[in-house]
C-alpha atoms as a PDB file:
ATOM      1  CA  MET A   1      75.893 100.263 110.780  1.00  0.00           C
ATOM      2  CA  LYS A   2      78.747 102.781 110.722  1.00  0.00           C
ATOM      3  CA  ASN A   3      80.338 100.869 107.847  1.00  0.00           C
ATOM      4  CA  VAL A   4      77.051 100.927 105.913  1.00  0.00           C
ATOM      5  CA  ASN A   5      76.632 104.667 106.458  1.00  0.00           C
ATOM      6  CA  PHE A   6      80.224 105.267 105.391  1.00  0.00           C
ATOM      7  CA  LEU A   7      79.711 103.248 102.199  1.00  0.00           C
ATOM      8  CA  LEU A   8      76.539 105.194 101.422  1.00  0.00           C
ATOM      9  CA  PHE A   9      78.440 108.434 101.970  1.00  0.00           C
ATOM     10  CA  LEU A  10      81.215 107.301  99.620  1.00  0.00           C
ATOM     11  CA  PHE A  11      78.661 106.266  96.977  1.00  0.00           C
ATOM     12  CA  ALA A  12      76.893 109.641  97.160  1.00  0.00           C
ATOM     13  CA  PHE A  13      80.225 111.484  97.086  1.00  0.00           C
ATOM     14  CA  PHE A  14      81.522 109.698  94.000  1.00  0.00           C
ATOM     15  CA  PHE A  15      78.101 109.835  92.313  1.00  0.00           C
ATOM     16  CA  LEU A  16      77.822 113.607  92.695  1.00  0.00           C
ATOM     17  CA  ASN A  17      81.425 114.143  91.662  1.00  0.00           C
ATOM     18  CA  SER A  18      80.986 112.009  88.557  1.00  0.00           C
ATOM     19  CA  CYS A  19      77.831 113.951  87.686  1.00  0.00           C
ATOM     20  CA  SER A  20      79.665 117.241  88.108  1.00  0.00           C
ATOM     21  CA  SER A  21      82.566 116.014  85.998  1.00  0.00           C
ATOM     22  CA  LEU A  22      80.165 114.908  83.297  1.00  0.00           C
ATOM     23  CA  MET A  23      78.579 118.345  83.109  1.00  0.00           C
ATOM     24  CA  LYS A  24      82.037 119.891  82.885  1.00  0.00           C
ATOM     25  CA  GLY A  25      82.786 117.423  80.104  1.00  0.00           C
ATOM     26  CA  MET A  26      79.881 118.745  78.059  1.00  0.00           C
ATOM     27  CA  LEU A  27      81.418 122.228  78.226  1.00  0.00           C
ATOM     28  CA  GLN A  28      85.100 121.288  78.011  1.00  0.00           C
ATOM     29  CA  ASN A  29      85.409 122.200  74.318  1.00  0.00           C
ATOM     30  CA  ASP A  30      83.959 125.639  74.978  1.00  0.00           C
ATOM     31  CA  PRO A  31      84.532 126.626  78.628  1.00  0.00           C
ATOM     32  CA  ASP A  32      83.188 130.150  77.989  1.00  0.00           C
ATOM     33  CA  PHE A  33      79.945 128.892  76.471  1.00  0.00           C
ATOM     34  CA  GLU A  34      77.680 130.040  79.313  1.00  0.00           C
ATOM     35  CA  LYS A  35      79.359 133.448  79.524  1.00  0.00           C
ATOM     36  CA  ASN A  36      79.042 134.139  75.783  1.00  0.00           C
ATOM     37  CA  ALA A  37      75.620 132.556  75.218  1.00  0.00           C
ATOM     38  CA  ASP A  38      72.279 134.330  74.920  1.00  0.00           C
ATOM     39  CA  LYS A  39      70.371 133.802  78.151  1.00  0.00           C
ATOM     40  CA  TYR A  40      66.712 132.914  78.633  1.00  0.00           C
ATOM     41  CA  LEU A  41      64.591 132.112  81.680  1.00  0.00           C
ATOM     42  CA  ILE A  42      61.889 129.465  81.464  1.00  0.00           C
ATOM     43  CA  SER A  43      59.234 128.419  83.971  1.00  0.00           C
ATOM     44  CA  HIS A  44      56.845 125.516  83.565  1.00  0.00           C
ATOM     45  CA  PRO A  45      54.882 122.985  85.637  1.00  0.00           C
ATOM     46  CA  VAL A  46      56.522 119.889  87.074  1.00  0.00           C
ATOM     47  CA  GLY A  47      55.710 116.657  85.256  1.00  0.00           C
ATOM     48  CA  ILE A  48      54.106 117.488  81.927  1.00  0.00           C
ATOM     49  CA  HIS A  49      52.303 114.219  81.259  1.00  0.00           C
ATOM     50  CA  PRO A  50      48.681 113.016  81.083  1.00  0.00           C
ATOM     51  CA  SER A  51      48.545 111.939  84.749  1.00  0.00           C
ATOM     52  CA  SER A  52      50.219 115.078  86.130  1.00  0.00           C
ATOM     53  CA  LYS A  53      48.427 117.412  88.541  1.00  0.00           C
ATOM     54  CA  ALA A  54      48.781 120.201  85.987  1.00  0.00           C
ATOM     55  CA  LEU A  55      46.402 118.359  83.672  1.00  0.00           C
ATOM     56  CA  ILE A  56      44.120 116.872  86.335  1.00  0.00           C
ATOM     57  CA  LYS A  57      43.400 120.168  88.115  1.00  0.00           C
ATOM     58  CA  ILE A  58      42.800 122.300  85.030  1.00  0.00           C
ATOM     59  CA  PRO A  59      42.171 119.965  82.076  1.00  0.00           C
ATOM     60  CA  SER A  60      40.662 122.801  80.027  1.00  0.00           C
ATOM     61  CA  LYS A  61      43.880 124.826  80.304  1.00  0.00           C
ATOM     62  CA  PRO A  62      46.969 123.208  78.770  1.00  0.00           C
ATOM     63  CA  PRO A  63      50.306 123.471  80.597  1.00  0.00           C
ATOM     64  CA  ILE A  64      52.295 126.542  79.566  1.00  0.00           C
ATOM     65  CA  PHE A  65      56.046 127.012  79.186  1.00  0.00           C
ATOM     66  CA  ILE A  66      56.812 130.691  79.831  1.00  0.00           C
ATOM     67  CA  ILE A  67      60.029 131.889  78.130  1.00  0.00           C
ATOM     68  CA  GLU A  68      61.654 135.234  78.880  1.00  0.00           C
ATOM     69  CA  ASP A  69      64.334 136.564  76.530  1.00  0.00           C
ATOM     70  CA  GLY A  70      67.132 137.978  78.696  1.00  0.00           C
ATOM     71  CA  ARG A  71      68.219 140.424  75.979  1.00  0.00           C
ATOM     72  CA  THR A  72      64.889 141.984  75.019  1.00  0.00           C
ATOM     73  CA  ASN A  73      62.655 140.987  77.995  1.00  0.00           C
ATOM     74  CA  ASP A  74      60.162 139.606  75.466  1.00  0.00           C
ATOM     75  CA  ILE A  75      57.947 136.892  76.940  1.00  0.00           C
ATOM     76  CA  TYR A  76      56.584 133.924  75.002  1.00  0.00           C
ATOM     77  CA  GLU A  77      54.040 131.339  76.130  1.00  0.00           C
ATOM     78  CA  MET A  78      54.301 127.872  74.600  1.00  0.00           C
ATOM     79  CA  LYS A  79      51.230 125.718  75.205  1.00  0.00           C
ATOM     80  CA  VAL A  80      51.305 121.932  75.424  1.00  0.00           C
ATOM     81  CA  LYS A  81      48.590 119.291  75.273  1.00  0.00           C
ATOM     82  CA  TRP A  82      49.276 115.576  75.686  1.00  0.00           C
ATOM     83  CA  LEU A  83      46.767 112.778  75.024  1.00  0.00           C
ATOM     84  CA  LYS A  84      47.415 109.111  75.753  1.00  0.00           C
ATOM     85  CA  ASP A  85      45.350 106.047  74.889  1.00  0.00           C
ATOM     86  CA  THR A  86      46.296 102.712  76.474  1.00  0.00           C
ATOM     87  CA  LYS A  87      45.431  99.222  75.261  1.00  0.00           C
ATOM     88  CA  LYS A  88      46.313  96.170  77.336  1.00  0.00           C
ATOM     89  CA  ASP A  89      47.293  92.676  76.250  1.00  0.00           C
ATOM     90  CA  GLY A  90      46.944  90.320  79.212  1.00  0.00           C
ATOM     91  CA  TYR A  91      45.800  91.053  82.752  1.00  0.00           C
ATOM     92  CA  ILE A  92      47.360  90.989  86.218  1.00  0.00           C
ATOM     93  CA  ASP A  93      44.833  90.189  88.933  1.00  0.00           C
ATOM     94  CA  LYS A  94      46.876  90.483  92.130  1.00  0.00           C
ATOM     95  CA  LEU A  95      43.945  89.743  94.452  1.00  0.00           C
ATOM     96  CA  ASN A  96      43.204  86.300  92.995  1.00  0.00           C
ATOM     97  CA  MET A  97      46.781  85.126  92.435  1.00  0.00           C
ATOM     98  CA  LYS A  98      47.934  82.039  94.334  1.00  0.00           C
ATOM     99  CA  LYS A  99      51.417  80.987  95.395  1.00  0.00           C
ATOM    100  CA  GLY A 100      53.523  80.223  92.343  1.00  0.00           C
ATOM    101  CA  ASP A 101      51.216  82.027  89.891  1.00  0.00           C
ATOM    102  CA  VAL A 102      52.848  84.222  87.266  1.00  0.00           C
ATOM    103  CA  ALA A 103      50.873  86.914  85.459  1.00  0.00           C
ATOM    104  CA  LYS A 104      52.000  89.023  82.524  1.00  0.00           C
ATOM    105  CA  GLU A 105      50.619  91.967  80.588  1.00  0.00           C
ATOM    106  CA  ARG A 106      51.660  94.469  77.936  1.00  0.00           C
ATOM    107  CA  ASP A 107      50.572  98.076  77.665  1.00  0.00           C
ATOM    108  CA  PHE A 108      50.545  99.723  74.255  1.00  0.00           C
ATOM    109  CA  ASN A 109      50.360 103.490  74.729  1.00  0.00           C
ATOM    110  CA  ALA A 110      49.480 105.690  71.769  1.00  0.00           C
ATOM    111  CA  HIS A 111      50.673 109.260  72.391  1.00  0.00           C
ATOM    112  CA  LYS A 112      49.518 112.420  70.653  1.00  0.00           C
ATOM    113  CA  ILE A 113      51.209 115.659  71.725  1.00  0.00           C
ATOM    114  CA  PHE A 114      50.407 119.195  70.589  1.00  0.00           C
ATOM    115  CA  ILE A 115      52.921 122.044  70.933  1.00  0.00           C
ATOM    116  CA  SER A 116      52.248 125.671  70.055  1.00  0.00           C
ATOM    117  CA  ASN A 117      55.354 127.823  69.526  1.00  0.00           C
ATOM    118  CA  PRO A 118      54.650 131.588  69.245  1.00  0.00           C
ATOM    119  CA  ILE A 119      58.303 132.425  68.514  1.00  0.00           C
ATOM    120  CA  ASP A 120      57.955 131.188  64.937  1.00  0.00           C
ATOM    121  CA  ASP A 121      54.132 130.877  64.907  1.00  0.00           C
ATOM    122  CA  LYS A 122      54.249 127.126  64.308  1.00  0.00           C
ATOM    123  CA  ASN A 123      52.058 124.370  65.714  1.00  0.00           C
ATOM    124  CA  TYR A 124      53.227 120.793  66.000  1.00  0.00           C
ATOM    125  CA  GLU A 125      51.544 117.423  66.397  1.00  0.00           C
ATOM    126  CA  ILE A 126      53.805 114.656  67.702  1.00  0.00           C
ATOM    127  CA  ILE A 127      52.678 111.050  67.391  1.00  0.00           C
ATOM    128  CA  GLY A 128      54.233 107.842  68.694  1.00  0.00           C
ATOM    129  CA  THR A 129      53.655 104.545  70.517  1.00  0.00           C
ATOM    130  CA  THR A 130      55.370 103.020  73.547  1.00  0.00           C
ATOM    131  CA  ALA A 131      55.201  99.430  74.787  1.00  0.00           C
ATOM    132  CA  THR A 132      55.536  98.415  78.450  1.00  0.00           C
ATOM    133  CA  PHE A 133      55.974  94.802  79.581  1.00  0.00           C
ATOM    134  CA  ARG A 134      55.037  93.685  83.108  1.00  0.00           C
ATOM    135  CA  SER A 135      55.445  90.408  84.961  1.00  0.00           C
ATOM    136  CA  LEU A 136      54.290  89.546  88.488  1.00  0.00           C
ATOM    137  CA  LYS A 137      54.952  86.367  90.477  1.00  0.00           C
ATOM    138  CA  LYS A 138      53.142  85.386  93.685  1.00  0.00           C
ATOM    139  CA  LEU A 139      55.653  84.099  96.235  1.00  0.00           C
ATOM    140  CA  SER A 140      53.521  83.486  99.326  1.00  0.00           C
ATOM    141  CA  GLY A 141      50.797  85.228 101.295  1.00  0.00           C
ATOM    142  CA  LYS A 142      50.979  88.904 100.358  1.00  0.00           C
ATOM    143  CA  SER A 143      54.504  88.631  98.997  1.00  0.00           C
ATOM    144  CA  THR A 144      54.992  89.217  95.262  1.00  0.00           C
ATOM    145  CA  VAL A 145      57.884  90.092  92.995  1.00  0.00           C
ATOM    146  CA  GLY A 146      57.453  91.973  89.742  1.00  0.00           C
ATOM    147  CA  THR A 147      59.315  93.550  86.856  1.00  0.00           C
ATOM    148  CA  SER A 148      58.399  96.354  84.451  1.00  0.00           C
ATOM    149  CA  THR A 149      60.351  97.163  81.316  1.00  0.00           C
ATOM    150  CA  MET A 150      59.885  99.470  78.354  1.00  0.00           C
ATOM    151  CA  SER A 151      60.804  98.667  74.774  1.00  0.00           C
ATOM    152  CA  TYR A 152      63.594 100.815  73.262  1.00  0.00           C
ATOM    153  CA  PRO A 153      64.350 102.701  71.124  1.00  0.00           C
ATOM    154  CA  ILE A 154      61.181 104.793  71.243  1.00  0.00           C
ATOM    155  CA  LYS A 155      60.308 106.446  67.940  1.00  0.00           C
ATOM    156  CA  PHE A 156      57.947 109.382  67.382  1.00  0.00           C
ATOM    157  CA  SER A 157      57.097 111.520  64.334  1.00  0.00           C
ATOM    158  CA  ILE A 158      56.733 115.317  64.220  1.00  0.00           C
ATOM    159  CA  PHE A 159      54.087 116.933  62.025  1.00  0.00           C
ATOM    160  CA  GLU A 160      53.561 120.603  61.192  1.00  0.00           C
ATOM    161  CA  GLN A 161      50.166 121.360  59.619  1.00  0.00           C
ATOM    162  CA  GLY A 162      49.946 117.741  58.447  1.00  0.00           C
ATOM    163  CA  LYS A 163      53.452 117.712  56.962  1.00  0.00           C
ATOM    164  CA  ASP A 164      56.076 115.313  58.317  1.00  0.00           C
ATOM    165  CA  VAL A 165      58.912 117.606  59.464  1.00  0.00           C
ATOM    166  CA  GLY A 166      60.886 115.433  61.850  1.00  0.00           C
ATOM    167  CA  LYS A 167      61.595 112.282  63.834  1.00  0.00           C
ATOM    168  CA  ILE A 168      62.383 111.531  67.476  1.00  0.00           C
ATOM    169  CA  ILE A 169      64.469 108.593  68.687  1.00  0.00           C
ATOM    170  CA  VAL A 170      64.752 107.964  72.434  1.00  0.00           C
ATOM    171  CA  TYR A 171      67.524 105.554  73.341  1.00  0.00           C
ATOM    172  CA  GLY A 172      67.439 103.342  76.414  1.00  0.00           C
ATOM    173  CA  PRO A 173      68.431 104.871  79.764  1.00  0.00           C
ATOM    174  CA  SER A 174      72.070 104.587  80.748  1.00  0.00           C
ATOM    175  CA  PHE A 175      73.412 103.648  84.153  1.00  0.00           C
ATOM    176  CA  PRO A 176      73.672 106.823  86.270  1.00  0.00           C
ATOM    177  CA  PRO A 177      75.378 109.210  86.085  1.00  0.00           C
ATOM    178  CA  GLN A 178      75.688 108.715  82.329  1.00  0.00           C
ATOM    179  CA  PRO A 179      73.176 110.887  80.432  1.00  0.00           C
ATOM    180  CA  GLN A 180      70.345 109.507  78.346  1.00  0.00           C
ATOM    181  CA  LYS A 181      70.357 110.403  74.669  1.00  0.00           C
ATOM    182  CA  ILE A 182      67.555 111.624  72.415  1.00  0.00           C
ATOM    183  CA  ASP A 183      68.057 112.355  68.726  1.00  0.00           C
ATOM    184  CA  VAL A 184      65.572 114.751  67.115  1.00  0.00           C
ATOM    185  CA  SER A 185      65.538 115.742  63.465  1.00  0.00           C
ATOM    186  CA  ILE A 186      63.383 118.774  62.758  1.00  0.00           C
ATOM    187  CA  HIS A 187      63.347 121.056  59.705  1.00  0.00           C
ATOM    188  CA  ASP A 188      66.293 119.129  58.200  1.00  0.00           C
ATOM    189  CA  ARG A 189      68.468 119.604  61.298  1.00  0.00           C
ATOM    190  CA  LEU A 190      69.563 116.643  63.427  1.00  0.00           C
ATOM    191  CA  VAL A 191      70.057 117.676  67.050  1.00  0.00           C
ATOM    192  CA  SER A 192      71.427 115.303  69.668  1.00  0.00           C
ATOM    193  CA  ILE A 193      70.058 115.924  73.161  1.00  0.00           C
ATOM    194  CA  LYS A 194      71.703 114.556  76.286  1.00  0.00           C
ATOM    195  CA  TYR A 195      69.960 114.890  79.594  1.00  0.00           C
ATOM    196  CA  GLN A 196      70.912 113.997  83.122  1.00  0.00           C
ATOM    197  CA  VAL A 197      68.726 113.983  86.227  1.00  0.00           C
ATOM    198  CA  ILE A 198      70.347 114.456  89.634  1.00  0.00           C
ATOM    199  CA  PHE A 199      67.755 114.198  92.399  1.00  0.00           C
ATOM    200  CA  SER A 200      65.247 117.019  91.658  1.00  0.00           C
ATOM    201  CA  LYS A 201      67.563 118.865  89.264  1.00  0.00           C
ATOM    202  CA  SER A 202      68.378 118.122  85.640  1.00  0.00           C
ATOM    203  CA  LYS A 203      70.562 119.377  82.822  1.00  0.00           C
ATOM    204  CA  PHE A 204      70.080 119.263  79.054  1.00  0.00           C
ATOM    205  CA  ALA A 205      72.801 119.655  76.419  1.00  0.00           C
ATOM    206  CA  PHE A 206      71.897 120.224  72.750  1.00  0.00           C
ATOM    207  CA  GLU A 207      74.488 119.418  70.072  1.00  0.00           C
ATOM    208  CA  PHE A 208      74.297 120.157  66.356  1.00  0.00           C
ATOM    209  CA  GLU A 209      76.990 118.911  63.979  1.00  0.00           C
ATOM    210  CA  ASN A 210      79.061 117.869  67.028  1.00  0.00           C
ATOM    211  CA  GLU A 211      78.952 121.381  68.468  1.00  0.00           C
ATOM    212  CA  LEU A 212      77.215 122.496  71.662  1.00  0.00           C
ATOM    213  CA  ILE A 213      74.449 124.948  70.734  1.00  0.00           C
ATOM    214  CA  ALA A 214      72.389 125.093  73.942  1.00  0.00           C
ATOM    215  CA  PHE A 215      72.645 124.164  77.596  1.00  0.00           C
ATOM    216  CA  PHE A 216      69.642 124.144  79.961  1.00  0.00           C
ATOM    217  CA  ASP A 217      69.925 123.997  83.765  1.00  0.00           C
ATOM    218  CA  ILE A 218      66.630 122.988  85.423  1.00  0.00           C
ATOM    219  CA  LYS A 219      65.700 123.042  89.102  1.00  0.00           C
ATOM    220  CA  PRO A 220      62.581 123.463  91.279  1.00  0.00           C
ATOM    221  CA  ALA A 221      61.445 127.072  91.639  1.00  0.00           C
ATOM    222  CA  LYS A 222      61.119 126.541  95.416  1.00  0.00           C
ATOM    223  CA  PHE A 223      61.812 123.786  97.946  1.00  0.00           C
ATOM    224  CA  ILE A 224      58.206 122.600  97.706  1.00  0.00           C
ATOM    225  CA  THR A 225      56.713 123.634  94.388  1.00  0.00           C
ATOM    226  CA  THR A 226      54.787 122.583  91.307  1.00  0.00           C
ATOM    227  CA  LYS A 227      56.946 124.815  89.099  1.00  0.00           C
ATOM    228  CA  MET A 228      60.352 124.310  87.519  1.00  0.00           C
ATOM    229  CA  LYS A 229      62.813 127.109  86.811  1.00  0.00           C
ATOM    230  CA  VAL A 230      65.141 126.832  83.804  1.00  0.00           C
ATOM    231  CA  ASN A 231      68.246 128.852  83.029  1.00  0.00           C
ATOM    232  CA  ALA A 232      68.724 128.433  79.284  1.00  0.00           C
ATOM    233  CA  TYR A 233      71.967 129.286  77.488  1.00  0.00           C
ATOM    234  CA  ILE A 234      71.789 129.336  73.675  1.00  0.00           C
ATOM    235  CA  LYS A 235      74.728 129.928  71.362  1.00  0.00           C
ATOM    236  CA  SER A 236      74.794 133.530  70.188  1.00  0.00           C
ATOM    237  CA  GLY A 237      74.185 134.233  66.511  1.00  0.00           C
ATOM    238  CA  LEU A 238      71.683 131.466  65.731  1.00  0.00           C
ATOM    239  CA  THR A 239      68.757 132.318  63.462  1.00  0.00           C
ATOM    240  CA  LYS A 240      65.343 133.009  65.006  1.00  0.00           C
ATOM    241  CA  ASP A 241      63.839 129.827  63.529  1.00  0.00           C
ATOM    242  CA  PHE A 242      66.705 127.719  64.937  1.00  0.00           C
ATOM    243  CA  ILE A 243      66.220 129.284  68.390  1.00  0.00           C
ATOM    244  CA  ALA A 244      62.489 128.556  68.153  1.00  0.00           C
ATOM    245  CA  ASP A 245      63.300 124.936  67.272  1.00  0.00           C
ATOM    246  CA  ILE A 246      65.572 124.617  70.308  1.00  0.00           C
ATOM    247  CA  PHE A 247      62.734 125.577  72.649  1.00  0.00           C
ATOM    248  CA  THR A 248      60.441 123.127  70.846  1.00  0.00           C
ATOM    249  CA  LEU A 249      63.142 120.472  71.280  1.00  0.00           C
ATOM    250  CA  TYR A 250      63.385 121.186  75.004  1.00  0.00           C
ATOM    251  CA  ILE A 251      59.657 120.640  75.450  1.00  0.00           C
ATOM    252  CA  ILE A 252      59.905 117.451  73.368  1.00  0.00           C
ATOM    253  CA  ALA A 253      62.781 116.189  75.518  1.00  0.00           C
ATOM    254  CA  ASP A 254      60.939 117.061  78.738  1.00  0.00           C
ATOM    255  CA  ILE A 255      57.890 115.168  77.508  1.00  0.00           C
ATOM    256  CA  MET A 256      60.002 112.169  76.483  1.00  0.00           C
ATOM    257  CA  ILE A 257      61.097 111.841  80.111  1.00  0.00           C
ATOM    258  CA  GLY A 258      57.427 111.535  81.084  1.00  0.00           C
ATOM    259  CA  VAL A 259      56.757 109.076  78.258  1.00  0.00           C
ATOM    260  CA  GLN A 260      59.216 106.675  79.885  1.00  0.00           C
ATOM    261  CA  LYS A 261      57.623 106.704  83.329  1.00  0.00           C
ATOM    262  CA  ILE A 262      56.192 103.274  84.108  1.00  0.00           C
ATOM    263  CA  PRO A 263      53.375 102.971  86.692  1.00  0.00           C
ATOM    264  CA  HIS A 264      53.954 100.519  89.532  1.00  0.00           C
ATOM    265  CA  ILE A 265      52.495  97.035  89.222  1.00  0.00           C
END
């Protein structure tokens, strides 16, 4: 048992160190980025997705991302609404499965997401489809073994007042602690987003033309909470519309994490 505990300790130690090194790697080309960047504070609910408590408790009130500009103390409220329609191909009936039976099903989820950004007074409609594949095998008695996988890459389109203004590509998750990558083109700018989740905390890096333009550090507002607190660092000197796009991109990236969550079989 001591050997097992020691191995677990070593795994956690190297995992956390590799995560820390990776974050340092994102800032290695500009070690003073955080010090020189414009700073913003964001708060928003945990888990912005259709099954989240934020939407179940108050379905008439969309989740809100509250952004405070550290320079001017201006406060912006970005509202989000997310609709999901699921169609199934196949059916898994766990109660009536017998030993040796194998059941399979596919979920096709059509997503429609609305984002309101008051910084540039623009409203977005984001549309895309995800496919989830499930397989369950009955071993014996109550014992079963199952797998759930999602089809990658995931592709969404961004519309502004009916006009196609961008695309989203979500690449498959990497083995931790490597970050997952999301490419978003919006208003003729291609921004590469890398995000990494470490326990209840996460970090987002935004790169444009191979240069770091924003870095977001996200953690729970309290030990037990339904709110997340975000320290956002954005490269100084960017235009107002580019800054507005970065906040829209953060919400998109946060939602894409929820898009990938697969319910248990």
